[in-house]
Protein backbone atom coordinates (compact mmCIF):
# COMPACT_ATOMS: atom_id res chain seq x y z
CA MET A 1 106.57 -56.66 46.58
CA LEU A 2 109.42 -55.22 45.18
CA GLY A 3 108.44 -51.94 44.08
CA ILE A 4 106.14 -49.57 42.32
CA GLU A 5 107.40 -48.29 39.09
CA TRP A 6 105.28 -46.01 38.06
CA SER A 7 105.14 -44.66 34.01
CA VAL A 8 103.73 -41.56 31.77
CA GLY A 9 101.97 -42.63 28.46
CA ARG A 10 100.96 -40.31 25.58
CA THR A 11 98.21 -39.04 28.36
CA PRO A 12 99.13 -37.30 31.60
CA LYS A 13 97.93 -40.02 33.37
CA LEU A 14 101.05 -42.39 35.30
CA THR A 15 100.45 -46.05 35.26
CA PRO A 16 101.46 -47.89 38.30
CA VAL A 17 103.04 -51.48 37.89
CA ALA A 18 104.02 -54.03 40.92
CA LEU A 19 107.75 -54.97 40.57
CA LEU A 20 107.30 -58.90 42.50
CA ALA A 21 109.44 -61.33 43.42
CA PRO A 22 109.23 -63.84 40.58
CA VAL A 23 106.78 -66.44 40.96
CA LEU A 24 105.12 -69.03 38.52
CA LEU A 25 101.48 -68.44 37.68
CA ASP A 26 99.43 -70.97 35.30
CA GLY A 27 102.89 -72.19 33.98
CA VAL A 28 104.20 -68.70 33.85
CA ARG A 29 107.03 -66.90 35.31
CA VAL A 30 105.70 -63.44 36.32
CA ALA A 31 108.18 -60.48 38.04
CA ARG A 32 105.39 -57.41 37.05
CA ALA A 33 101.82 -56.86 37.34
CA ASN A 34 99.52 -54.18 36.39
CA MET A 35 97.85 -52.07 39.36
CA HIS A 36 95.75 -49.97 36.33
CA ASN A 37 95.87 -46.70 38.81
CA ALA A 38 96.60 -44.69 41.73
CA SER A 39 93.37 -45.68 43.58
CA VAL A 40 93.96 -49.38 43.50
CA VAL A 41 97.37 -48.35 44.92
CA GLY A 42 95.51 -46.11 47.57
CA GLU A 43 93.20 -48.96 48.47
CA MET A 44 96.38 -51.05 49.46
CA LEU A 45 98.24 -49.09 51.82
CA PRO A 46 99.60 -49.18 53.92
CA LEU A 47 101.52 -51.00 51.71
CA ASN A 48 105.31 -52.19 52.34
CA ILE A 49 108.29 -53.49 50.58
CA GLY A 50 108.37 -57.45 51.06
CA ASP A 51 104.44 -57.60 51.86
CA ARG A 52 102.56 -60.44 49.92
CA VAL A 53 100.14 -59.65 47.61
CA GLU A 54 97.62 -61.59 45.38
CA ILE A 55 97.77 -61.85 41.50
CA GLU A 56 95.78 -63.10 38.83
CA ARG A 57 96.41 -62.98 34.73
CA ARG A 58 93.01 -61.37 33.45
CA GLY A 59 92.06 -63.41 30.58
CA ASP A 60 94.90 -65.86 31.44
CA VAL A 61 97.36 -63.17 29.83
CA ILE A 62 97.84 -60.06 31.75
CA PRO A 63 99.10 -60.34 35.48
CA HIS A 64 96.97 -57.84 37.85
CA VAL A 65 97.26 -57.53 41.40
CA VAL A 66 94.15 -57.90 43.07
CA GLY A 67 94.81 -56.77 46.68
CA LYS A 68 96.64 -58.21 49.54
CA ALA A 69 97.50 -61.87 50.47
CA PRO A 70 95.89 -62.61 53.66
CA PRO A 71 98.06 -63.76 56.35
CA ILE A 72 99.36 -67.27 55.03
CA ALA A 73 97.38 -69.16 58.20
CA SER A 74 94.15 -68.20 56.85
CA GLN A 75 94.46 -69.02 53.42
CA PRO A 76 93.49 -72.39 52.13
CA ASP A 77 95.66 -75.26 50.69
CA SER A 78 94.94 -75.14 47.80
CA GLU A 79 95.97 -71.62 47.68
CA LYS A 80 99.49 -72.13 49.64
CA LEU A 81 102.57 -72.24 47.89
CA SER A 82 104.61 -75.48 47.66
CA VAL A 83 107.44 -76.25 50.16
CA ALA A 84 109.92 -75.79 47.27
CA GLU A 85 108.49 -72.48 46.35
CA GLN A 86 107.85 -71.21 50.16
CA GLU A 87 111.49 -71.86 50.38
CA ALA A 88 112.47 -69.94 47.39
CA GLN A 89 110.58 -66.95 48.25
CA ASP A 90 111.86 -67.11 52.04
CA ALA A 91 115.35 -67.35 50.58
CA LEU A 92 115.32 -64.04 48.02
CA ALA A 93 117.01 -61.02 49.33
CA VAL A 94 114.28 -58.58 49.21
CA PRO A 95 116.20 -54.92 49.40
CA ASN A 96 114.59 -52.62 51.55
CA GLU A 97 112.43 -54.50 53.16
CA GLY A 98 109.74 -52.89 55.03
CA ASP A 99 109.99 -49.83 53.60
CA ALA A 100 106.73 -48.17 53.19
CA LEU A 101 105.52 -47.51 49.52
CA GLU A 102 103.32 -44.53 48.77
CA LEU A 103 101.98 -42.16 46.09
CA PRO A 104 104.67 -40.71 44.25
CA THR A 105 104.92 -36.56 44.13
CA TYR A 106 106.46 -35.88 41.34
CA CYS A 107 106.68 -37.13 37.45
CA PRO A 108 109.58 -39.91 36.73
CA CYS A 109 110.45 -37.74 33.89
CA PRO A 110 113.73 -35.60 34.07
CA ARG A 111 111.39 -32.32 34.72
CA ARG A 112 109.99 -33.95 37.68
CA SER A 113 107.11 -31.77 37.42
CA PRO A 114 104.49 -32.02 40.16
CA LEU A 115 101.83 -34.47 40.36
CA VAL A 116 98.12 -33.70 40.81
CA LEU A 117 95.92 -36.63 41.86
CA ARG A 118 92.50 -36.33 40.29
CA VAL A 119 88.94 -38.12 40.56
CA SER A 120 86.86 -39.10 38.28
CA ALA A 121 83.77 -37.34 37.71
CA SER A 122 81.79 -40.61 36.29
CA ASP A 123 83.60 -43.11 38.88
CA PRO A 124 83.93 -41.55 42.20
CA SER A 125 86.08 -44.72 43.34
CA ARG A 126 88.32 -43.95 40.47
CA SER A 127 91.74 -41.48 40.79
CA ASP A 128 95.20 -41.09 39.04
CA LEU A 129 97.69 -39.08 38.75
CA LEU A 130 98.50 -36.62 36.48
CA CYS A 131 101.62 -35.02 35.32
CA ALA A 132 100.72 -31.28 35.97
CA ALA A 133 103.00 -30.36 32.93
CA ALA A 134 101.04 -31.97 30.97
CA ALA A 135 97.99 -32.04 31.95
CA GLY A 136 97.83 -28.02 32.52
CA ASP A 137 95.15 -26.06 34.17
CA VAL A 138 91.84 -28.64 32.48
CA GLU A 139 88.70 -29.22 33.24
CA ALA A 140 86.70 -32.31 33.60
CA VAL A 141 84.67 -32.73 30.26
CA ASP A 142 81.34 -34.64 30.89
CA GLY A 143 82.16 -37.47 33.03
CA GLU A 144 86.02 -38.02 32.09
CA ASP A 145 88.90 -36.19 32.54
CA ALA A 146 90.18 -33.63 29.77
CA ALA A 147 93.42 -35.51 29.45
CA SER A 148 91.74 -38.87 28.41
CA SER A 149 89.49 -37.17 26.12
CA GLY A 150 92.29 -35.23 24.04
CA THR A 151 93.36 -32.06 26.06
CA SER A 152 97.21 -32.18 25.74
CA VAL A 153 97.40 -35.45 23.43
CA VAL A 154 97.76 -33.47 19.89
CA GLY A 155 101.37 -32.52 20.38
CA ASP A 156 101.30 -30.09 23.24
CA SER A 157 102.62 -31.64 25.77
CA ALA A 158 105.69 -30.28 28.21
CA CYS A 159 106.47 -33.11 29.76
CA PRO A 160 109.26 -34.85 28.02
CA ALA A 161 108.07 -38.34 29.05
CA GLN A 162 104.40 -38.13 27.51
CA ALA A 163 106.30 -36.13 24.58
CA ALA A 164 108.66 -38.84 23.78
CA MET A 165 105.46 -41.47 24.03
CA GLN A 166 103.48 -39.80 21.94
CA MET A 167 106.23 -39.34 19.20
CA GLU A 168 106.94 -43.16 19.55
CA TYR A 169 103.31 -43.73 18.53
CA TYR A 170 103.13 -40.97 15.85
CA ALA A 171 105.64 -42.66 14.44
CA SER A 172 104.68 -46.28 14.76
CA LYS A 173 103.25 -48.88 12.11
CA GLY A 174 99.80 -48.42 12.21
CA VAL A 175 99.59 -44.43 12.14
CA LEU A 176 102.26 -42.92 9.92
CA ASP A 177 104.37 -45.80 9.31
CA LEU A 178 107.50 -43.42 9.81
CA SER A 179 110.43 -46.61 9.26
CA GLY A 180 113.77 -45.41 10.58
CA LEU A 181 112.20 -43.53 13.67
CA GLY A 182 112.05 -45.89 16.22
CA GLU A 183 112.54 -45.46 19.70
CA ALA A 184 116.42 -45.88 19.74
CA THR A 185 116.62 -43.48 16.88
CA LEU A 186 114.22 -40.92 18.79
CA ALA A 187 116.10 -41.35 21.66
CA SER A 188 119.44 -40.94 20.34
CA LEU A 189 118.02 -37.45 18.64
CA ARG A 190 116.75 -36.41 21.58
CA GLY A 191 120.14 -37.13 23.31
CA ALA A 192 121.85 -34.85 20.67
CA GLY A 193 119.78 -31.61 21.02
CA PHE A 194 116.64 -32.54 18.92
CA LEU A 195 113.12 -33.10 19.41
CA GLN A 196 113.15 -31.22 22.32
CA GLY A 197 109.34 -30.22 22.03
CA GLY A 198 106.36 -32.20 21.26
CA VAL A 199 105.91 -34.20 18.24
CA ALA A 200 105.43 -30.91 15.98
CA ASP A 201 109.31 -30.91 16.07
CA LEU A 202 109.21 -34.13 14.31
CA VAL A 203 106.96 -32.72 11.46
CA ARG A 204 109.55 -29.72 11.15
CA LEU A 205 112.67 -31.79 11.64
CA PRO A 206 113.92 -31.44 7.82
CA ARG A 207 114.38 -27.59 8.59
CA GLN A 208 117.32 -29.05 10.70
CA ARG A 209 118.84 -31.00 8.02
CA GLU A 210 122.43 -29.24 7.89
CA GLU A 211 122.26 -29.36 11.72
CA LEU A 212 121.64 -32.72 11.62
CA ARG A 213 124.24 -33.81 8.90
CA GLN A 214 127.11 -31.72 10.91
CA ALA A 215 125.73 -33.97 14.61
CA ALA A 216 126.12 -37.29 12.52
CA GLU A 217 129.55 -36.14 11.15
CA ALA A 218 130.50 -35.55 14.94
CA LYS A 219 128.90 -39.60 15.72
CA LEU A 220 126.55 -37.46 18.01
CA LEU A 221 123.89 -39.57 16.55
CA LEU A 222 123.71 -43.34 16.66
CA LYS A 223 124.49 -45.18 14.16
CA MET A 224 123.55 -42.29 11.65
CA THR A 225 125.45 -40.90 8.93
CA PRO A 226 125.25 -37.71 6.85
CA ALA A 227 123.70 -40.46 3.81
CA ARG A 228 121.50 -41.71 6.39
CA VAL A 229 119.93 -38.43 7.75
CA ASP A 230 119.46 -37.10 4.10
CA LYS A 231 117.75 -40.56 3.51
CA LEU A 232 115.54 -40.20 6.56
CA LEU A 233 114.68 -36.54 6.18
CA ASP A 234 113.50 -37.42 2.93
CA MET A 235 111.57 -40.16 3.95
CA LEU A 236 110.11 -38.10 7.03
CA VAL A 237 108.88 -35.78 3.86
CA GLN A 238 107.32 -38.26 1.81
CA ARG A 239 105.64 -40.16 4.41
CA HIS A 240 103.71 -36.94 5.58
CA ARG A 241 102.70 -35.59 2.49
CA ALA A 242 101.60 -39.08 0.79
CA ALA A 243 100.09 -39.87 4.22
CA SER A 244 95.99 -39.78 4.04
CA ASP A 245 93.56 -37.79 5.82
CA ALA A 246 92.79 -41.08 8.39
CA GLN A 247 96.19 -41.17 9.15
CA LEU A 248 96.81 -37.62 10.14
CA LEU A 249 93.44 -37.97 12.17
CA LEU A 250 94.99 -40.91 14.26
CA ALA A 251 98.23 -38.96 14.52
CA LEU A 252 96.75 -36.04 16.54
CA GLY A 253 96.46 -39.23 19.45
CA ILE A 254 92.96 -38.42 20.67
CA PRO A 255 92.34 -41.18 22.95
CA ARG A 256 89.82 -43.33 22.07
CA LEU A 257 89.82 -42.14 18.11
CA GLY A 258 90.65 -45.48 16.32
CA ALA A 259 90.55 -46.64 12.95
CA ALA A 260 87.16 -47.06 12.57
CA GLN A 261 86.32 -44.12 14.30
CA ALA A 262 88.36 -42.10 11.96
CA LYS A 263 87.16 -43.82 8.97
CA ALA A 264 83.44 -42.89 10.25
CA LEU A 265 83.84 -39.08 10.56
CA LEU A 266 85.98 -39.11 7.24
CA GLU A 267 82.94 -40.55 5.39
CA SER A 268 80.53 -37.97 7.58
CA PHE A 269 82.51 -34.80 7.03
CA GLY A 270 84.48 -35.69 3.60
CA ASP A 271 87.92 -34.34 4.69
CA LEU A 272 90.40 -33.64 7.89
CA ARG A 273 89.85 -30.02 7.80
CA SER A 274 85.95 -30.60 7.96
CA VAL A 275 86.09 -33.24 10.87
CA LEU A 276 88.63 -30.59 12.66
CA ALA A 277 86.21 -27.70 12.26
CA ALA A 278 83.07 -29.84 13.59
CA ASP A 279 82.07 -28.44 16.74
CA PHE A 280 79.48 -30.66 19.19
CA ALA A 281 76.31 -29.55 17.77
CA ALA A 282 77.69 -30.39 13.72
CA LEU A 283 78.96 -34.14 15.34
CA GLU A 284 75.60 -34.64 16.60
CA ALA A 285 73.62 -33.39 13.59
CA ALA A 286 76.12 -35.49 10.92
CA ARG A 287 74.91 -38.87 13.35
CA VAL A 288 78.02 -40.44 12.81
CA PRO A 289 77.44 -44.50 13.59
CA GLY A 290 78.91 -45.95 16.37
CA LEU A 291 79.76 -42.70 18.43
CA GLY A 292 77.45 -41.37 20.94
CA ASP A 293 76.69 -38.27 22.55
CA LYS A 294 79.57 -38.47 25.18
CA LEU A 295 82.13 -39.79 22.69
CA LEU A 296 81.17 -36.98 20.33
CA GLU A 297 81.37 -34.13 22.82
CA ALA A 298 84.74 -35.17 24.18
CA PHE A 299 85.69 -35.08 20.29
CA ALA A 300 84.80 -32.14 19.87
CA VAL A 301 86.86 -30.57 22.65
CA ALA A 302 89.78 -32.28 21.38
CA PHE A 303 89.25 -31.30 18.09
CA GLU A 304 88.71 -27.69 19.32
CA GLN A 305 92.12 -27.69 20.91
CA ALA A 306 93.91 -29.77 17.52
CA ARG A 307 92.62 -26.97 15.59
CA HIS A 308 94.45 -24.25 17.46
CA GLY A 309 97.28 -26.93 18.56
CA GLU A 310 101.15 -27.10 17.48
CA LEU A 311 100.77 -29.84 15.87
CA VAL A 312 98.51 -28.80 12.88
CA ARG A 313 99.93 -25.40 12.60
CA ALA A 314 103.34 -27.28 11.81
CA TRP A 315 101.34 -29.49 9.34
CA GLU A 316 100.06 -25.94 8.03
CA GLU A 317 103.85 -24.88 7.44
CA GLU A 318 105.38 -27.72 5.86
CA GLY A 319 102.71 -27.86 3.08
CA VAL A 320 101.48 -31.44 4.85
CA LEU A 321 97.88 -29.65 5.64
CA PRO A 322 96.75 -26.82 2.91
CA ALA A 323 95.43 -24.01 4.62
CA GLU A 324 92.54 -23.97 2.51
CA GLY A 325 90.81 -26.21 0.09
CA LYS A 326 90.71 -29.82 -0.24
CA ARG A 327 94.01 -31.91 0.84
CA GLU A 328 95.32 -34.27 -1.71
CA PRO A 329 98.02 -36.56 -0.77
CA ARG A 330 100.92 -36.88 -3.36
CA PRO A 331 102.33 -40.09 -4.65
CA VAL A 332 105.43 -41.44 -3.23
CA VAL A 333 107.78 -41.12 -6.74
CA GLU A 334 106.77 -37.51 -7.26
CA VAL A 335 107.08 -36.60 -3.13
CA ALA A 336 110.74 -37.78 -3.25
CA GLN A 337 111.62 -35.80 -6.39
CA ARG A 338 110.24 -32.66 -5.18
CA THR A 339 111.51 -33.13 -1.76
CA ALA A 340 115.23 -33.51 -3.47
CA ALA A 341 115.05 -30.96 -5.57
CA ALA A 342 113.68 -28.70 -2.23
CA SER A 343 115.86 -30.02 -0.09
CA LEU A 344 119.04 -28.49 -1.72
CA SER A 345 119.65 -25.27 0.06
CA PRO A 346 120.97 -21.60 -2.13
CA SER A 347 124.15 -21.65 0.27
CA ARG A 348 125.54 -25.14 -1.34
CA SER A 349 127.89 -24.52 -3.74
CA GLU A 350 127.27 -25.53 -7.75
CA ALA A 351 128.46 -28.97 -7.80
CA LYS A 352 126.86 -29.99 -4.29
CA THR A 353 123.87 -29.15 -5.90
CA ALA A 354 124.41 -30.94 -9.31
CA LYS A 355 125.51 -33.76 -7.69
CA ALA A 356 122.42 -34.03 -4.83
CA ALA A 357 120.02 -33.31 -7.43
CA ALA A 358 122.07 -36.58 -9.79
CA ALA A 359 121.78 -38.77 -6.65
CA ALA A 360 117.91 -37.55 -6.26
CA ALA A 361 117.00 -38.12 -9.95
CA ALA A 362 119.11 -41.77 -9.31
CA ARG A 363 116.70 -42.76 -6.50
CA ALA A 364 113.72 -41.59 -8.34
CA ALA A 365 114.62 -43.38 -11.38
CA ARG A 366 115.37 -46.32 -9.62
CA VAL A 367 112.00 -46.84 -8.01
CA GLU A 368 110.43 -46.36 -11.38
CA ALA A 369 112.53 -49.34 -12.86
CA ARG A 370 111.79 -50.99 -9.88
CA ALA A 371 107.94 -50.45 -10.52
CA GLN A 372 108.57 -50.94 -14.40
CA ARG A 373 110.29 -54.40 -13.54
CA GLU A 374 107.37 -55.23 -11.53
CA ALA A 375 104.53 -54.35 -14.15
CA GLU A 376 106.89 -56.19 -16.65
CA LYS A 377 106.27 -59.46 -14.56
CA ALA A 378 102.58 -59.03 -13.75
CA ALA A 379 102.09 -58.41 -17.65
CA ALA A 380 103.98 -61.33 -18.67
CA LYS A 381 102.36 -63.53 -15.85
CA ALA A 382 98.99 -62.46 -17.08
CA ALA A 383 100.08 -63.71 -20.53
CA ARG A 384 101.18 -66.97 -19.88
CA LEU A 385 97.59 -67.01 -17.88
CA GLU A 386 96.02 -65.35 -20.95
CA ALA A 387 97.53 -67.69 -23.27
CA LYS A 388 96.46 -71.15 -21.23
CA ALA A 389 93.08 -70.43 -20.94
CA ALA A 390 92.83 -69.53 -24.57
CA ARG A 391 94.05 -73.12 -24.91
CA ASP A 392 92.12 -74.89 -22.63
CA ALA A 393 88.65 -72.99 -24.19
CA ASP A 394 89.95 -74.22 -27.70
CA LYS A 395 90.51 -77.82 -26.40
CA THR A 396 87.01 -77.66 -24.91
CA ILE A 397 85.66 -76.29 -28.02
CA LYS A 398 86.89 -78.62 -30.22
CA LYS A 399 85.83 -81.49 -27.88
CA ARG A 400 82.25 -80.11 -27.98
CA ALA A 401 81.90 -79.31 -31.22
CA PRO A 402 80.17 -81.35 -33.83
CA ARG A 403 81.71 -82.62 -36.90
CA THR A 404 82.09 -80.59 -40.19
CA PRO A 405 82.94 -80.55 -43.31
CA ARG A 406 86.81 -79.37 -43.23
CA ALA A 407 85.46 -76.72 -46.24
CA ALA A 408 82.85 -75.06 -44.12
CA LYS A 409 85.42 -74.60 -41.39
CA ALA A 410 85.60 -70.95 -40.25
CA ALA A 411 89.70 -69.79 -40.24
CA PRO A 412 91.28 -69.87 -37.50
CA ALA A 413 91.22 -67.44 -34.48
CA GLU A 414 94.00 -65.63 -33.72
CA ILE A 415 96.96 -65.91 -30.18
CA GLY A 416 96.87 -62.54 -28.71
CA ASP A 417 94.83 -58.71 -28.98
CA GLY A 418 92.72 -59.94 -32.09
CA GLU A 419 90.85 -56.14 -31.18
CA GLU A 420 94.08 -54.32 -32.06
CA ASP A 421 94.20 -52.70 -35.41
CA ALA A 422 96.90 -54.23 -37.28
CA SER A 423 97.92 -50.72 -39.19
CA GLN A 424 98.50 -48.75 -35.85
CA LEU A 425 102.19 -47.48 -36.31
CA PRO A 426 105.19 -48.02 -33.97
CA THR A 427 106.30 -45.88 -31.30
CA PRO A 428 110.12 -45.23 -29.94
CA SER A 429 108.52 -47.33 -26.70
CA GLN A 430 106.82 -49.85 -28.87
CA PRO A 431 108.87 -50.03 -32.00
CA LEU A 432 106.81 -53.45 -33.10
CA LEU A 433 103.44 -52.21 -32.77
CA GLY A 434 101.26 -53.23 -35.15
CA MET A 435 103.63 -56.69 -36.21
CA ARG A 436 101.76 -59.84 -35.68
CA VAL A 437 103.83 -62.63 -36.18
CA CYS A 438 103.17 -66.21 -36.96
CA VAL A 439 105.72 -69.10 -35.31
CA VAL A 440 105.63 -72.28 -37.79
CA GLY A 441 107.89 -74.72 -35.97
CA ARG A 442 109.52 -75.65 -32.67
CA LEU A 443 111.99 -73.21 -31.83
CA VAL A 444 115.05 -73.86 -30.47
CA SER A 445 117.06 -70.75 -29.51
CA GLY A 446 114.77 -70.39 -26.19
CA LYS A 447 111.04 -71.25 -25.02
CA ARG A 448 107.70 -69.96 -26.51
CA SER A 449 106.50 -68.24 -23.88
CA GLU A 450 109.74 -65.93 -23.78
CA LEU A 451 109.36 -64.82 -27.21
CA VAL A 452 105.67 -64.12 -26.69
CA SER A 453 106.80 -61.83 -23.38
CA ALA A 454 110.05 -60.33 -25.73
CA VAL A 455 107.67 -59.39 -28.71
CA ARG A 456 104.58 -58.45 -26.65
CA SER A 457 106.87 -55.83 -24.57
CA LEU A 458 107.39 -54.14 -27.37
CA GLY A 459 104.72 -53.88 -28.47
CA GLY A 460 103.50 -56.82 -31.16
CA VAL A 461 101.55 -59.74 -31.18
CA VAL A 462 102.64 -63.76 -31.73
CA GLN A 463 99.99 -65.79 -33.48
CA SER A 464 100.11 -69.35 -33.09
CA VAL A 465 98.25 -69.60 -36.90
CA CYS A 466 98.66 -67.84 -39.97
CA SER A 467 95.84 -65.33 -41.29
CA ARG A 468 95.53 -62.23 -43.41
CA SER A 469 96.58 -60.18 -40.80
CA THR A 470 99.99 -61.58 -40.19
CA THR A 471 102.75 -59.47 -41.45
CA HIS A 472 105.53 -61.74 -40.52
CA LEU A 473 106.66 -65.32 -40.56
CA LEU A 474 109.07 -67.18 -38.10
CA MET A 475 110.56 -70.24 -39.37
CA ALA A 476 111.81 -72.25 -36.67
CA ALA A 477 114.91 -74.43 -37.26
CA GLU A 478 112.89 -77.43 -36.37
CA GLN A 479 109.77 -78.38 -38.48
CA LYS A 480 107.18 -80.81 -37.76
CA PRO A 481 105.57 -83.33 -40.31
CA LEU A 482 102.45 -81.28 -41.72
CA ALA A 483 99.36 -83.14 -41.46
CA ASP A 484 96.46 -83.49 -44.12
CA ASP A 485 93.84 -81.45 -41.99
CA LYS A 486 96.67 -78.71 -41.76
CA ALA A 487 96.42 -78.02 -45.70
CA GLN A 488 94.61 -74.90 -44.95
CA GLN A 489 97.50 -73.30 -43.19
CA VAL A 490 100.24 -74.25 -45.55
CA ALA A 491 97.73 -72.60 -48.13
CA MET A 492 97.67 -69.29 -45.94
CA ARG A 493 101.30 -69.36 -45.71
CA ALA A 494 101.92 -69.80 -49.50
CA GLU A 495 99.52 -67.08 -49.93
CA ALA A 496 101.13 -64.56 -46.84
CA VAL A 497 104.81 -65.65 -48.88
CA GLN A 498 102.97 -64.16 -52.07
CA ARG A 499 101.49 -61.45 -50.60
CA GLY A 500 105.24 -60.51 -50.01
CA VAL A 501 105.55 -60.97 -45.77
CA PRO A 502 108.51 -61.19 -44.64
CA THR A 503 110.24 -64.77 -43.64
CA LEU A 504 112.75 -64.60 -41.03
CA ASP A 505 114.76 -67.38 -39.14
CA GLU A 506 115.02 -67.81 -35.82
CA GLN A 507 118.66 -65.58 -35.94
CA ALA A 508 117.52 -62.64 -37.90
CA PHE A 509 114.25 -62.75 -35.67
CA ALA A 510 116.76 -62.33 -32.71
CA ARG A 511 118.59 -59.35 -34.16
CA LEU A 512 115.16 -57.70 -34.94
CA LEU A 513 113.99 -57.97 -31.45
CA ALA A 514 117.67 -56.95 -30.31
CA ASN A 515 117.36 -53.53 -32.38
CA ALA A 516 113.99 -53.01 -30.90
CA ALA A 517 114.83 -53.55 -27.81
CA ASN A 518 117.19 -51.10 -28.14
CA GLN A 519 115.60 -48.52 -29.90
CA ALA A 520 112.73 -48.58 -26.69
CA ALA A 521 115.46 -48.40 -23.71
CA GLU A 522 116.91 -45.33 -26.11
CA ALA A 523 113.36 -43.90 -25.96
CA GLU A 524 112.84 -44.13 -22.09
CA ALA A 525 116.45 -42.66 -21.81
CA GLN A 526 115.51 -40.07 -23.63
CA ALA A 527 112.40 -39.65 -21.90
CA GLU A 528 114.16 -39.54 -18.27
CA GLU A 529 116.64 -37.31 -19.16
CA ALA A 530 113.90 -34.95 -20.36
CA ALA A 531 111.88 -35.54 -17.15
CA LEU A 532 114.93 -34.45 -15.20
CA GLU A 533 115.47 -31.36 -17.55
CA ALA A 534 112.43 -30.43 -16.52
CA ALA A 535 112.47 -30.94 -13.41
CA ASN A 536 115.92 -28.69 -12.94
CA GLU A 537 114.20 -25.98 -14.81
CA GLU A 538 111.27 -26.01 -12.59
CA ARG A 539 113.58 -26.12 -9.58
């Protein structure tokens, strides 16, 4: 034994970890081992630095201390160290060897609050050390310490170490997923004088935008610039308002309340407000699957404290949780636009306000453009799969269909959205709506699939055979020799020409596509400009 390290987690309980002289255990080098709680340490007292202890790996993964090791002479040969291991242990210099190890009396946090030794009501053999600043004046709740059942774990802790762990949990990926707010960033913010309270300070952090920007300019924040501060605060507001009720329920940090329990509670009560308002009688009447009476009673106590806690109050102040009515999470893009508009303080100059609004609109436009590109890629992929499936289906039908006279053959089916009406009028965003173009021959200027995607994106349909609904003929540069069984197609094309159907070559059709694409782009730009003007008017 080289010492014992005591640490504070999200709950007020202190966890002891044994610091050991390195030793190989099942092929793994072990220098730290779990000691579970204060009662385990108390059973091993008196314990001195340099004493030998017995350790094992629970589940072949986590090493933990079993107890004091017996004298070497009384150990079986199979448990004795090898000669090389014993020589390495003897050669190790142990600082403060012989000093007594005792239970601490003060919390390791900077506040140095006194510790309280509390015996569990359900298991008198188990005792825990609690930070008095975090635990407060609490009573046991149905066989479990109130600190283990939810008290002081809903953002109101006065212990700095516990508050720091709660913030890390609150920002973790499994809860609100506040990317960019890791352990180092949170420590940097606390070191600069921010986030001195509980998790509620994290919710209210966007109110201190100007102070944070000044701290970043003064190099008081680790790797933070004013632009990154704005991005971080915008993300903070977005994640809060887009979070689901299940995420907010998990964010309260109530022990033994995991994702499965949160989902079951929300399915039984409908929304977060109803869950927090539920007392033990309501929880018991709801018969939530997988929750027993003891757990329900512990949750009822935690929900009561959460309703009147600082974290829920901060949610209400920042609009994350409405005071009345059902909460509706907002999409990330909408939240980004509203956040960018609301973040502009009246004290800024008019030029800065316009610049910030333009930057916010540009960010929103980039997000929307990225989403549109992804949608176009997905549509093009779906079109390719649809065309391939149609070709495969035609091949299968031709193989299985009985021979019929040519005169009795039905008119060829069209490739594309046959349910669309060819008489539909074009729109600014889809200038080719209603166009049905038949490609004759093999394209030289590009691939046929690219042409199909381009026409589809602008509202048109590409046909592989000519029909009475054809509105344009695209004569490819390379024509294949016509077979006898395509005489009907030749007749249909001749009829289309007689009806006045425009016939275009590849260059003319390319110009038509370019003009249509420019028209669609101008319509999209006008729509974005109108949306920006509407947002400015609303602001």
